[in-house]
Full PDB file with SEQRES, HELIX, SHEET, SSBOND, CRYST1, ORIGX, SCALE, CONECT and MASTER records, all heavy atoms in Angstrom:
SEQRES   1 A   40  ARG CYS VAL LEU ILE GLU TYR GLY SER GLY SER SER ARG          
SEQRES   2 A   40  LYS VAL PRO LEU LEU LEU ARG ALA LEU ARG GLU PRO LEU          
SEQRES   3 A   40  ALA TYR VAL PRO VAL ASP ILE CYS ARG GLU TYR LEU LEU          
SEQRES   4 A   40  ALA                                                          
HELIX    1 AA1 VAL A   15  ALA A   21  1                                   7    
HELIX    2 AA2 ARG A   35  LEU A   39  1                                   5    
SHEET    1 AA1 2 VAL A   3  TYR A   7  0                                        
SHEET    2 AA1 2 ALA A  27  VAL A  31  1                                        
CRYST1    1.000    1.000    1.000  90.00  90.00  90.00 P 1           1          
ORIGX1      1.000000  0.000000  0.000000        0.00000                         
ORIGX2      0.000000  1.000000  0.000000        0.00000                         
ORIGX3      0.000000  0.000000  1.000000        0.00000                         
SCALE1      1.000000  0.000000  0.000000        0.00000                         
SCALE2      0.000000  1.000000  0.000000        0.00000                         
SCALE3      0.000000  0.000000  1.000000        0.00000                         
ATOM      1  N   ARG A   1     -40.774 -30.761 -18.537  1.00  0.00           N  
ATOM      2  CA  ARG A   1     -40.447 -29.336 -18.501  1.00  0.00           C  
ATOM      3  C   ARG A   1     -40.620 -28.724 -17.108  1.00  0.00           C  
ATOM      4  O   ARG A   1     -41.211 -27.660 -16.934  1.00  0.00           O  
ATOM      5  CB  ARG A   1     -41.249 -28.559 -19.550  1.00  0.00           C  
ATOM      6  CG  ARG A   1     -40.932 -28.992 -20.981  1.00  0.00           C  
ATOM      7  CD  ARG A   1     -41.589 -28.111 -22.024  1.00  0.00           C  
ATOM      8  NE  ARG A   1     -41.136 -26.716 -21.937  1.00  0.00           N  
ATOM      9  CZ  ARG A   1     -39.944 -26.262 -22.352  1.00  0.00           C  
ATOM     10  NH1 ARG A   1     -39.057 -27.116 -22.884  1.00  0.00           N  
ATOM     11  NH2 ARG A   1     -39.638 -24.990 -22.259  1.00  0.00           N  
ATOM     12  N   CYS A   2     -40.063 -29.404 -16.125  1.00  0.00           N  
ATOM     13  CA  CYS A   2     -40.125 -28.887 -14.753  1.00  0.00           C  
ATOM     14  C   CYS A   2     -38.923 -27.986 -14.476  1.00  0.00           C  
ATOM     15  O   CYS A   2     -37.917 -28.006 -15.201  1.00  0.00           O  
ATOM     16  CB  CYS A   2     -40.146 -30.030 -13.745  1.00  0.00           C  
ATOM     17  SG  CYS A   2     -38.552 -30.841 -13.525  1.00  0.00           S  
ATOM     18  N   VAL A   3     -39.038 -27.203 -13.431  1.00  0.00           N  
ATOM     19  CA  VAL A   3     -37.907 -26.472 -12.848  1.00  0.00           C  
ATOM     20  C   VAL A   3     -37.514 -27.230 -11.593  1.00  0.00           C  
ATOM     21  O   VAL A   3     -38.306 -27.345 -10.652  1.00  0.00           O  
ATOM     22  CB  VAL A   3     -38.291 -25.017 -12.509  1.00  0.00           C  
ATOM     23  CG1 VAL A   3     -37.148 -24.326 -11.772  1.00  0.00           C  
ATOM     24  CG2 VAL A   3     -38.638 -24.247 -13.782  1.00  0.00           C  
ATOM     25  N   LEU A   4     -36.300 -27.779 -11.579  1.00  0.00           N  
ATOM     26  CA  LEU A   4     -35.828 -28.589 -10.463  1.00  0.00           C  
ATOM     27  C   LEU A   4     -34.951 -27.733  -9.556  1.00  0.00           C  
ATOM     28  O   LEU A   4     -33.927 -27.201  -9.992  1.00  0.00           O  
ATOM     29  CB  LEU A   4     -35.052 -29.799 -10.973  1.00  0.00           C  
ATOM     30  CG  LEU A   4     -34.697 -30.862  -9.936  1.00  0.00           C  
ATOM     31  CD1 LEU A   4     -35.949 -31.562  -9.414  1.00  0.00           C  
ATOM     32  CD2 LEU A   4     -33.743 -31.899 -10.534  1.00  0.00           C  
ATOM     33  N   ILE A   5     -35.352 -27.597  -8.300  1.00  0.00           N  
ATOM     34  CA  ILE A   5     -34.663 -26.752  -7.321  1.00  0.00           C  
ATOM     35  C   ILE A   5     -34.049 -27.671  -6.276  1.00  0.00           C  
ATOM     36  O   ILE A   5     -34.774 -28.376  -5.571  1.00  0.00           O  
ATOM     37  CB  ILE A   5     -35.656 -25.781  -6.650  1.00  0.00           C  
ATOM     38  CG1 ILE A   5     -36.440 -24.990  -7.689  1.00  0.00           C  
ATOM     39  CG2 ILE A   5     -34.942 -24.863  -5.659  1.00  0.00           C  
ATOM     40  CD1 ILE A   5     -37.822 -24.577  -7.225  1.00  0.00           C  
ATOM     41  N   GLU A   6     -32.721 -27.681  -6.172  1.00  0.00           N  
ATOM     42  CA  GLU A   6     -32.082 -28.583  -5.197  1.00  0.00           C  
ATOM     43  C   GLU A   6     -31.635 -27.817  -3.969  1.00  0.00           C  
ATOM     44  O   GLU A   6     -30.803 -26.911  -4.055  1.00  0.00           O  
ATOM     45  CB  GLU A   6     -30.894 -29.319  -5.819  1.00  0.00           C  
ATOM     46  CG  GLU A   6     -30.291 -30.328  -4.846  1.00  0.00           C  
ATOM     47  CD  GLU A   6     -29.198 -31.202  -5.430  1.00  0.00           C  
ATOM     48  OE1 GLU A   6     -28.760 -30.946  -6.571  1.00  0.00           O  
ATOM     49  OE2 GLU A   6     -28.774 -32.142  -4.733  1.00  0.00           O  
ATOM     50  N   TYR A   7     -32.165 -28.204  -2.816  1.00  0.00           N  
ATOM     51  CA  TYR A   7     -31.751 -27.620  -1.543  1.00  0.00           C  
ATOM     52  C   TYR A   7     -30.466 -28.296  -1.066  1.00  0.00           C  
ATOM     53  O   TYR A   7     -30.368 -29.518  -1.029  1.00  0.00           O  
ATOM     54  CB  TYR A   7     -32.829 -27.861  -0.475  1.00  0.00           C  
ATOM     55  CG  TYR A   7     -34.033 -26.960  -0.515  1.00  0.00           C  
ATOM     56  CD1 TYR A   7     -34.203 -25.976  -1.490  1.00  0.00           C  
ATOM     57  CD2 TYR A   7     -35.032 -27.082   0.447  1.00  0.00           C  
ATOM     58  CE1 TYR A   7     -35.316 -25.155  -1.503  1.00  0.00           C  
ATOM     59  CE2 TYR A   7     -36.150 -26.258   0.450  1.00  0.00           C  
ATOM     60  CZ  TYR A   7     -36.297 -25.297  -0.527  1.00  0.00           C  
ATOM     61  OH  TYR A   7     -37.409 -24.488  -0.523  1.00  0.00           O  
ATOM     62  N   GLY A   8     -29.481 -27.465  -0.660  1.00  0.00           N  
ATOM     63  CA  GLY A   8     -28.234 -28.015  -0.140  1.00  0.00           C  
ATOM     64  C   GLY A   8     -27.539 -28.880  -1.159  1.00  0.00           C  
ATOM     65  O   GLY A   8     -27.155 -30.017  -0.877  1.00  0.00           O  
ATOM     66  N   SER A   9     -27.333 -28.324  -2.354  1.00  0.00           N  
ATOM     67  CA  SER A   9     -26.874 -29.124  -3.505  1.00  0.00           C  
ATOM     68  C   SER A   9     -25.475 -29.690  -3.323  1.00  0.00           C  
ATOM     69  O   SER A   9     -25.152 -30.742  -3.873  1.00  0.00           O  
ATOM     70  CB  SER A   9     -26.933 -28.285  -4.780  1.00  0.00           C  
ATOM     71  OG  SER A   9     -26.205 -27.074  -4.623  1.00  0.00           O  
ATOM     72  N   GLY A  10     -24.596 -29.000  -2.576  1.00  0.00           N  
ATOM     73  CA  GLY A  10     -23.247 -29.532  -2.338  1.00  0.00           C  
ATOM     74  C   GLY A  10     -22.528 -29.847  -3.630  1.00  0.00           C  
ATOM     75  O   GLY A  10     -22.426 -29.017  -4.538  1.00  0.00           O  
ATOM     76  N   SER A  11     -22.033 -31.077  -3.750  1.00  0.00           N  
ATOM     77  CA  SER A  11     -21.313 -31.482  -4.958  1.00  0.00           C  
ATOM     78  C   SER A  11     -22.243 -31.956  -6.057  1.00  0.00           C  
ATOM     79  O   SER A  11     -21.785 -32.384  -7.114  1.00  0.00           O  
ATOM     80  CB  SER A  11     -20.311 -32.595  -4.624  1.00  0.00           C  
ATOM     81  OG  SER A  11     -20.991 -33.712  -4.072  1.00  0.00           O  
ATOM     82  N   SER A  12     -23.561 -31.914  -5.836  1.00  0.00           N  
ATOM     83  CA  SER A  12     -24.567 -32.289  -6.850  1.00  0.00           C  
ATOM     84  C   SER A  12     -24.313 -33.698  -7.401  1.00  0.00           C  
ATOM     85  O   SER A  12     -24.475 -33.936  -8.598  1.00  0.00           O  
ATOM     86  CB  SER A  12     -24.581 -31.266  -7.993  1.00  0.00           C  
ATOM     87  OG  SER A  12     -24.944 -29.995  -7.532  1.00  0.00           O  
ATOM     88  N   ARG A  13     -23.964 -34.621  -6.535  1.00  0.00           N  
ATOM     89  CA  ARG A  13     -23.598 -35.966  -7.012  1.00  0.00           C  
ATOM     90  C   ARG A  13     -24.814 -36.833  -7.319  1.00  0.00           C  
ATOM     91  O   ARG A  13     -24.703 -37.815  -8.051  1.00  0.00           O  
ATOM     92  CB  ARG A  13     -22.674 -36.657  -6.001  1.00  0.00           C  
ATOM     93  CG  ARG A  13     -23.306 -36.964  -4.673  1.00  0.00           C  
ATOM     94  CD  ARG A  13     -22.297 -37.440  -3.650  1.00  0.00           C  
ATOM     95  NE  ARG A  13     -21.615 -38.661  -4.045  1.00  0.00           N  
ATOM     96  CZ  ARG A  13     -20.740 -39.305  -3.259  1.00  0.00           C  
ATOM     97  NH1 ARG A  13     -20.421 -38.801  -2.080  1.00  0.00           N  
ATOM     98  NH2 ARG A  13     -20.173 -40.416  -3.658  1.00  0.00           N  
ATOM     99  N   LYS A  14     -25.995 -36.488  -6.764  1.00  0.00           N  
ATOM    100  CA  LYS A  14     -27.185 -37.319  -6.979  1.00  0.00           C  
ATOM    101  C   LYS A  14     -28.078 -36.785  -8.091  1.00  0.00           C  
ATOM    102  O   LYS A  14     -28.759 -37.560  -8.761  1.00  0.00           O  
ATOM    103  CB  LYS A  14     -27.989 -37.429  -5.684  1.00  0.00           C  
ATOM    104  CG  LYS A  14     -27.236 -38.134  -4.569  1.00  0.00           C  
ATOM    105  CD  LYS A  14     -27.948 -37.990  -3.234  1.00  0.00           C  
ATOM    106  CE  LYS A  14     -27.099 -38.566  -2.106  1.00  0.00           C  
ATOM    107  NZ  LYS A  14     -27.650 -38.247  -0.785  1.00  0.00           N  
ATOM    108  N   VAL A  15     -28.083 -35.480  -8.281  1.00  0.00           N  
ATOM    109  CA  VAL A  15     -29.047 -34.895  -9.212  1.00  0.00           C  
ATOM    110  C   VAL A  15     -28.858 -35.356 -10.662  1.00  0.00           C  
ATOM    111  O   VAL A  15     -29.851 -35.425 -11.408  1.00  0.00           O  
ATOM    112  CB  VAL A  15     -29.032 -33.348  -9.103  1.00  0.00           C  
ATOM    113  CG1 VAL A  15     -27.831 -32.743  -9.814  1.00  0.00           C  
ATOM    114  CG2 VAL A  15     -30.332 -32.763  -9.617  1.00  0.00           C  
ATOM    115  N   PRO A  16     -27.643 -35.712 -11.137  1.00  0.00           N  
ATOM    116  CA  PRO A  16     -27.547 -36.202 -12.522  1.00  0.00           C  
ATOM    117  C   PRO A  16     -28.418 -37.432 -12.780  1.00  0.00           C  
ATOM    118  O   PRO A  16     -28.937 -37.599 -13.896  1.00  0.00           O  
ATOM    119  CB  PRO A  16     -26.058 -36.526 -12.683  1.00  0.00           C  
ATOM    120  CG  PRO A  16     -25.378 -35.607 -11.732  1.00  0.00           C  
ATOM    121  CD  PRO A  16     -26.298 -35.537 -10.550  1.00  0.00           C  
ATOM    122  N   LEU A  17     -28.594 -38.285 -11.771  1.00  0.00           N  
ATOM    123  CA  LEU A  17     -29.458 -39.460 -11.938  1.00  0.00           C  
ATOM    124  C   LEU A  17     -30.888 -39.044 -12.253  1.00  0.00           C  
ATOM    125  O   LEU A  17     -31.589 -39.698 -13.036  1.00  0.00           O  
ATOM    126  CB  LEU A  17     -29.439 -40.315 -10.667  1.00  0.00           C  
ATOM    127  CG  LEU A  17     -28.089 -40.897 -10.261  1.00  0.00           C  
ATOM    128  CD1 LEU A  17     -28.166 -41.484  -8.851  1.00  0.00           C  
ATOM    129  CD2 LEU A  17     -27.656 -41.975 -11.255  1.00  0.00           C  
ATOM    130  N   LEU A  18     -31.310 -37.953 -11.654  1.00  0.00           N  
ATOM    131  CA  LEU A  18     -32.668 -37.458 -11.868  1.00  0.00           C  
ATOM    132  C   LEU A  18     -32.768 -36.678 -13.175  1.00  0.00           C  
ATOM    133  O   LEU A  18     -33.720 -36.850 -13.945  1.00  0.00           O  
ATOM    134  CB  LEU A  18     -33.054 -36.575 -10.680  1.00  0.00           C  
ATOM    135  CG  LEU A  18     -34.508 -36.186 -10.515  1.00  0.00           C  
ATOM    136  CD1 LEU A  18     -35.422 -37.412 -10.549  1.00  0.00           C  
ATOM    137  CD2 LEU A  18     -34.688 -35.413  -9.213  1.00  0.00           C  
ATOM    138  N   LEU A  19     -31.780 -35.831 -13.436  1.00  0.00           N  
ATOM    139  CA  LEU A  19     -31.816 -35.020 -14.656  1.00  0.00           C  
ATOM    140  C   LEU A  19     -31.827 -35.884 -15.915  1.00  0.00           C  
ATOM    141  O   LEU A  19     -32.500 -35.553 -16.902  1.00  0.00           O  
ATOM    142  CB  LEU A  19     -30.618 -34.064 -14.688  1.00  0.00           C  
ATOM    143  CG  LEU A  19     -30.670 -32.893 -13.702  1.00  0.00           C  
ATOM    144  CD1 LEU A  19     -29.347 -32.127 -13.724  1.00  0.00           C  
ATOM    145  CD2 LEU A  19     -31.827 -31.956 -14.030  1.00  0.00           C  
ATOM    146  N   ARG A  20     -31.089 -36.998 -15.880  1.00  0.00           N  
ATOM    147  CA  ARG A  20     -31.065 -37.875 -17.055  1.00  0.00           C  
ATOM    148  C   ARG A  20     -32.419 -38.532 -17.313  1.00  0.00           C  
ATOM    149  O   ARG A  20     -32.747 -38.867 -18.454  1.00  0.00           O  
ATOM    150  CB  ARG A  20     -29.983 -38.951 -16.887  1.00  0.00           C  
ATOM    151  CG  ARG A  20     -28.570 -38.431 -17.078  1.00  0.00           C  
ATOM    152  CD  ARG A  20     -27.582 -39.566 -17.279  1.00  0.00           C  
ATOM    153  NE  ARG A  20     -27.414 -40.375 -16.085  1.00  0.00           N  
ATOM    154  CZ  ARG A  20     -26.488 -40.140 -15.152  1.00  0.00           C  
ATOM    155  NH1 ARG A  20     -25.664 -39.104 -15.269  1.00  0.00           N  
ATOM    156  NH2 ARG A  20     -26.381 -40.922 -14.090  1.00  0.00           N  
ATOM    157  N   ALA A  21     -33.205 -38.713 -16.244  1.00  0.00           N  
ATOM    158  CA  ALA A  21     -34.499 -39.387 -16.386  1.00  0.00           C  
ATOM    159  C   ALA A  21     -35.629 -38.417 -16.731  1.00  0.00           C  
ATOM    160  O   ALA A  21     -36.616 -38.809 -17.359  1.00  0.00           O  
ATOM    161  CB  ALA A  21     -34.845 -40.135 -15.104  1.00  0.00           C  
ATOM    162  N   LEU A  22     -35.499 -37.150 -16.312  1.00  0.00           N  
ATOM    163  CA  LEU A  22     -36.572 -36.188 -16.533  1.00  0.00           C  
ATOM    164  C   LEU A  22     -36.744 -35.874 -18.017  1.00  0.00           C  
ATOM    165  O   LEU A  22     -35.772 -35.849 -18.778  1.00  0.00           O  
ATOM    166  CB  LEU A  22     -36.279 -34.893 -15.766  1.00  0.00           C  
ATOM    167  CG  LEU A  22     -36.379 -34.968 -14.241  1.00  0.00           C  
ATOM    168  CD1 LEU A  22     -35.870 -33.676 -13.613  1.00  0.00           C  
ATOM    169  CD2 LEU A  22     -37.822 -35.236 -13.803  1.00  0.00           C  
ATOM    170  N   ARG A  23     -37.972 -35.588 -18.405  1.00  0.00           N  
ATOM    171  CA  ARG A  23     -38.257 -35.257 -19.807  1.00  0.00           C  
ATOM    172  C   ARG A  23     -38.201 -33.742 -19.991  1.00  0.00           C  
ATOM    173  O   ARG A  23     -38.988 -33.000 -19.426  1.00  0.00           O  
ATOM    174  CB  ARG A  23     -39.636 -35.797 -20.201  1.00  0.00           C  
ATOM    175  CG  ARG A  23     -39.970 -35.602 -21.679  1.00  0.00           C  
ATOM    176  CD  ARG A  23     -41.005 -36.620 -22.141  1.00  0.00           C  
ATOM    177  NE  ARG A  23     -42.249 -36.523 -21.395  1.00  0.00           N  
ATOM    178  CZ  ARG A  23     -43.283 -35.763 -21.780  1.00  0.00           C  
ATOM    179  NH1 ARG A  23     -43.210 -35.058 -22.891  1.00  0.00           N  
ATOM    180  NH2 ARG A  23     -44.387 -35.743 -21.064  1.00  0.00           N  
ATOM    181  N   GLU A  24     -37.195 -33.314 -20.748  1.00  0.00           N  
ATOM    182  CA  GLU A  24     -37.011 -31.911 -21.129  1.00  0.00           C  
ATOM    183  C   GLU A  24     -37.118 -30.949 -19.940  1.00  0.00           C  
ATOM    184  O   GLU A  24     -37.938 -30.018 -19.946  1.00  0.00           O  
ATOM    185  CB  GLU A  24     -38.028 -31.507 -22.202  1.00  0.00           C  
ATOM    186  CG  GLU A  24     -37.909 -32.293 -23.481  1.00  0.00           C  
ATOM    187  CD  GLU A  24     -38.962 -31.901 -24.509  1.00  0.00           C  
ATOM    188  OE1 GLU A  24     -39.832 -31.054 -24.180  1.00  0.00           O  
ATOM    189  OE2 GLU A  24     -38.914 -32.415 -25.628  1.00  0.00           O  
ATOM    190  N   PRO A  25     -36.315 -31.166 -18.909  1.00  0.00           N  
ATOM    191  CA  PRO A  25     -36.372 -30.217 -17.782  1.00  0.00           C  
ATOM    192  C   PRO A  25     -36.033 -28.806 -18.260  1.00  0.00           C  
ATOM    193  O   PRO A  25     -35.134 -28.608 -19.078  1.00  0.00           O  
ATOM    194  CB  PRO A  25     -35.319 -30.758 -16.811  1.00  0.00           C  
ATOM    195  CG  PRO A  25     -34.389 -31.576 -17.650  1.00  0.00           C  
ATOM    196  CD  PRO A  25     -35.240 -32.167 -18.734  1.00  0.00           C  
ATOM    197  N   LEU A  26     -36.767 -27.841 -17.752  1.00  0.00           N  
ATOM    198  CA  LEU A  26     -36.601 -26.463 -18.193  1.00  0.00           C  
ATOM    199  C   LEU A  26     -35.390 -25.798 -17.546  1.00  0.00           C  
ATOM    200  O   LEU A  26     -34.655 -25.047 -18.187  1.00  0.00           O  
ATOM    201  CB  LEU A  26     -37.877 -25.670 -17.866  1.00  0.00           C  
ATOM    202  CG  LEU A  26     -37.968 -24.243 -18.372  1.00  0.00           C  
ATOM    203  CD1 LEU A  26     -37.978 -24.218 -19.894  1.00  0.00           C  
ATOM    204  CD2 LEU A  26     -39.224 -23.568 -17.823  1.00  0.00           C  
ATOM    205  N   ALA A  27     -35.193 -26.051 -16.247  1.00  0.00           N  
ATOM    206  CA  ALA A  27     -34.099 -25.389 -15.534  1.00  0.00           C  
ATOM    207  C   ALA A  27     -33.725 -26.195 -14.295  1.00  0.00           C  
ATOM    208  O   ALA A  27     -34.543 -26.938 -13.746  1.00  0.00           O  
ATOM    209  CB  ALA A  27     -34.506 -23.973 -15.129  1.00  0.00           C  
ATOM    210  N   TYR A  28     -32.482 -26.010 -13.873  1.00  0.00           N  
ATOM    211  CA  TYR A  28     -31.983 -26.591 -12.627  1.00  0.00           C  
ATOM    212  C   TYR A  28     -31.476 -25.449 -11.770  1.00  0.00           C  
ATOM    213  O   TYR A  28     -30.668 -24.614 -12.223  1.00  0.00           O  
ATOM    214  CB  TYR A  28     -30.865 -27.591 -12.922  1.00  0.00           C  
ATOM    215  CG  TYR A  28     -30.117 -28.077 -11.695  1.00  0.00           C  
ATOM    216  CD1 TYR A  28     -30.777 -28.682 -10.635  1.00  0.00           C  
ATOM    217  CD2 TYR A  28     -28.734 -27.930 -11.610  1.00  0.00           C  
ATOM    218  CE1 TYR A  28     -30.083 -29.123  -9.513  1.00  0.00           C  
ATOM    219  CE2 TYR A  28     -28.024 -28.384 -10.501  1.00  0.00           C  
ATOM    220  CZ  TYR A  28     -28.713 -28.982  -9.453  1.00  0.00           C  
ATOM    221  OH  TYR A  28     -28.022 -29.413  -8.343  1.00  0.00           O  
ATOM    222  N   VAL A  29     -31.951 -25.388 -10.513  1.00  0.00           N  
ATOM    223  CA  VAL A  29     -31.594 -24.307  -9.600  1.00  0.00           C  
ATOM    224  C   VAL A  29     -30.956 -24.912  -8.346  1.00  0.00           C  
ATOM    225  O   VAL A  29     -31.660 -25.265  -7.388  1.00  0.00           O  
ATOM    226  CB  VAL A  29     -32.828 -23.462  -9.218  1.00  0.00           C  
ATOM    227  CG1 VAL A  29     -32.405 -22.274  -8.342  1.00  0.00           C  
ATOM    228  CG2 VAL A  29     -33.570 -22.982 -10.460  1.00  0.00           C  
ATOM    229  N   PRO A  30     -29.633 -25.089  -8.332  1.00  0.00           N  
ATOM    230  CA  PRO A  30     -28.982 -25.575  -7.107  1.00  0.00           C  
ATOM    231  C   PRO A  30     -28.850 -24.449  -6.091  1.00  0.00           C  
ATOM    232  O   PRO A  30     -28.486 -23.320  -6.437  1.00  0.00           O  
ATOM    233  CB  PRO A  30     -27.608 -26.032  -7.605  1.00  0.00           C  
ATOM    234  CG  PRO A  30     -27.346 -25.175  -8.815  1.00  0.00           C  
ATOM    235  CD  PRO A  30     -28.684 -24.876  -9.431  1.00  0.00           C  
ATOM    236  N   VAL A  31     -29.154 -24.753  -4.835  1.00  0.00           N  
ATOM    237  CA  VAL A  31     -29.081 -23.760  -3.757  1.00  0.00           C  
ATOM    238  C   VAL A  31     -28.148 -24.309  -2.683  1.00  0.00           C  
ATOM    239  O   VAL A  31     -28.388 -25.396  -2.145  1.00  0.00           O  
ATOM    240  CB  VAL A  31     -30.473 -23.485  -3.149  1.00  0.00           C  
ATOM    241  CG1 VAL A  31     -30.382 -22.371  -2.108  1.00  0.00           C  
ATOM    242  CG2 VAL A  31     -31.485 -23.138  -4.234  1.00  0.00           C  
ATOM    243  N   ASP A  32     -27.095 -23.559  -2.367  1.00  0.00           N  
ATOM    244  CA  ASP A  32     -26.149 -24.032  -1.354  1.00  0.00           C  
ATOM    245  C   ASP A  32     -25.512 -22.841  -0.667  1.00  0.00           C  
ATOM    246  O   ASP A  32     -25.362 -21.763  -1.263  1.00  0.00           O  
ATOM    247  CB  ASP A  32     -25.074 -24.922  -1.982  1.00  0.00           C  
ATOM    248  CG  ASP A  32     -24.399 -25.816  -0.953  1.00  0.00           C  
ATOM    249  OD1 ASP A  32     -24.911 -26.933  -0.697  1.00  0.00           O  
ATOM    250  OD2 ASP A  32     -23.371 -25.403  -0.383  1.00  0.00           O  
ATOM    251  N   ILE A  33     -25.092 -23.040   0.579  1.00  0.00           N  
ATOM    252  CA  ILE A  33     -24.519 -21.954   1.373  1.00  0.00           C  
ATOM    253  C   ILE A  33     -23.026 -21.778   1.123  1.00  0.00           C  
ATOM    254  O   ILE A  33     -22.451 -20.738   1.443  1.00  0.00           O  
ATOM    255  CB  ILE A  33     -24.801 -22.215   2.867  1.00  0.00           C  
ATOM    256  CG1 ILE A  33     -24.739 -20.919   3.671  1.00  0.00           C  
ATOM    257  CG2 ILE A  33     -23.879 -23.284   3.442  1.00  0.00           C  
ATOM    258  CD1 ILE A  33     -25.295 -21.044   5.071  1.00  0.00           C  
ATOM    259  N   CYS A  34     -22.374 -22.790   0.518  1.00  0.00           N  
ATOM    260  CA  CYS A  34     -20.923 -22.737   0.262  1.00  0.00           C  
ATOM    261  C   CYS A  34     -20.688 -22.293  -1.176  1.00  0.00           C  
ATOM    262  O   CYS A  34     -20.900 -23.059  -2.114  1.00  0.00           O  
ATOM    263  CB  CYS A  34     -20.274 -24.098   0.515  1.00  0.00           C  
ATOM    264  SG  CYS A  34     -18.493 -24.093   0.213  1.00  0.00           S  
ATOM    265  N   ARG A  35     -20.248 -21.051  -1.352  1.00  0.00           N  
ATOM    266  CA  ARG A  35     -20.103 -20.460  -2.683  1.00  0.00           C  
ATOM    267  C   ARG A  35     -19.138 -21.262  -3.561  1.00  0.00           C  
ATOM    268  O   ARG A  35     -19.428 -21.536  -4.730  1.00  0.00           O  
ATOM    269  CB  ARG A  35     -19.611 -19.021  -2.559  1.00  0.00           C  
ATOM    270  CG  ARG A  35     -19.496 -18.293  -3.892  1.00  0.00           C  
ATOM    271  CD  ARG A  35     -18.797 -16.955  -3.757  1.00  0.00           C  
ATOM    272  NE  ARG A  35     -19.584 -15.985  -3.017  1.00  0.00           N  
ATOM    273  CZ  ARG A  35     -19.251 -15.491  -1.819  1.00  0.00           C  
ATOM    274  NH1 ARG A  35     -18.148 -15.921  -1.216  1.00  0.00           N  
ATOM    275  NH2 ARG A  35     -20.011 -14.603  -1.227  1.00  0.00           N  
ATOM    276  N   GLU A  36     -17.975 -21.631  -3.018  1.00  0.00           N  
ATOM    277  CA  GLU A  36     -16.952 -22.288  -3.828  1.00  0.00           C  
ATOM    278  C   GLU A  36     -17.452 -23.630  -4.369  1.00  0.00           C  
ATOM    279  O   GLU A  36     -17.268 -23.953  -5.552  1.00  0.00           O  
ATOM    280  CB  GLU A  36     -15.670 -22.499  -3.014  1.00  0.00           C  
ATOM    281  CG  GLU A  36     -14.975 -21.209  -2.603  1.00  0.00           C  
ATOM    282  CD  GLU A  36     -15.605 -20.547  -1.379  1.00  0.00           C  
ATOM    283  OE1 GLU A  36     -16.557 -21.125  -0.796  1.00  0.00           O  
ATOM    284  OE2 GLU A  36     -15.139 -19.450  -1.011  1.00  0.00           O  
ATOM    285  N   TYR A  37     -18.066 -24.413  -3.490  1.00  0.00           N  
ATOM    286  CA  TYR A  37     -18.574 -25.719  -3.911  1.00  0.00           C  
ATOM    287  C   TYR A  37     -19.707 -25.566  -4.910  1.00  0.00           C  
ATOM    288  O   TYR A  37     -19.807 -26.304  -5.886  1.00  0.00           O  
ATOM    289  CB  TYR A  37     -19.062 -26.486  -2.674  1.00  0.00           C  
ATOM    290  CG  TYR A  37     -18.422 -27.836  -2.508  1.00  0.00           C  
ATOM    291  CD1 TYR A  37     -17.045 -27.982  -2.584  1.00  0.00           C  
ATOM    292  CD2 TYR A  37     -19.183 -28.971  -2.269  1.00  0.00           C  
ATOM    293  CE1 TYR A  37     -16.455 -29.218  -2.412  1.00  0.00           C  
ATOM    294  CE2 TYR A  37     -18.602 -30.217  -2.095  1.00  0.00           C  
ATOM    295  CZ  TYR A  37     -17.231 -30.330  -2.175  1.00  0.00           C  
ATOM    296  OH  TYR A  37     -16.648 -31.548  -2.020  1.00  0.00           O  
ATOM    297  N   LEU A  38     -20.565 -24.594  -4.672  1.00  0.00           N  
ATOM    298  CA  LEU A  38     -21.710 -24.359  -5.548  1.00  0.00           C  
ATOM    299  C   LEU A  38     -21.259 -23.985  -6.954  1.00  0.00           C  
ATOM    300  O   LEU A  38     -21.778 -24.510  -7.945  1.00  0.00           O  
ATOM    301  CB  LEU A  38     -22.584 -23.248  -4.963  1.00  0.00           C  
ATOM    302  CG  LEU A  38     -23.769 -22.795  -5.806  1.00  0.00           C  
ATOM    303  CD1 LEU A  38     -24.799 -23.909  -5.948  1.00  0.00           C  
ATOM    304  CD2 LEU A  38     -24.413 -21.557  -5.185  1.00  0.00           C  
ATOM    305  N   LEU A  39     -20.292 -23.080  -7.057  1.00  0.00           N  
ATOM    306  CA  LEU A  39     -19.818 -22.654  -8.372  1.00  0.00           C  
ATOM    307  C   LEU A  39     -19.216 -23.819  -9.147  1.00  0.00           C  
ATOM    308  O   LEU A  39     -19.485 -23.999 -10.338  1.00  0.00           O  
ATOM    309  CB  LEU A  39     -18.786 -21.533  -8.219  1.00  0.00           C  
ATOM    310  CG  LEU A  39     -19.336 -20.164  -7.820  1.00  0.00           C  
ATOM    311  CD1 LEU A  39     -18.200 -19.215  -7.470  1.00  0.00           C  
ATOM    312  CD2 LEU A  39     -20.187 -19.581  -8.939  1.00  0.00           C  
ATOM    313  N   ALA A  40     -18.415 -24.639  -8.467  1.00  0.00           N  
ATOM    314  CA  ALA A  40     -17.768 -25.764  -9.145  1.00  0.00           C  
ATOM    315  C   ALA A  40     -18.790 -26.801  -9.596  1.00  0.00           C  
ATOM    316  O   ALA A  40     -18.761 -27.271 -10.750  1.00  0.00           O  
ATOM    317  CB  ALA A  40     -16.734 -26.397  -8.227  1.00  0.00           C  
TER     318      ALA A  40                                                      
MASTER        0    0    0    2    2    0    0    6  317    1    0    4          
END                                                                             
C-alpha cells in the first residue's frame, strides 16, 4: 500500500514492471514536464 511517485515518467515504460510486483499499491503519481506525453 505504497504511494509510488515517478520523476520524469515520460512514456512510463518501466513502471508497469514495478506496479505488477507491488502489493496493493495505493496510488501512482507520474510527474513529467511534457503535458501531452504525461496525459497519454
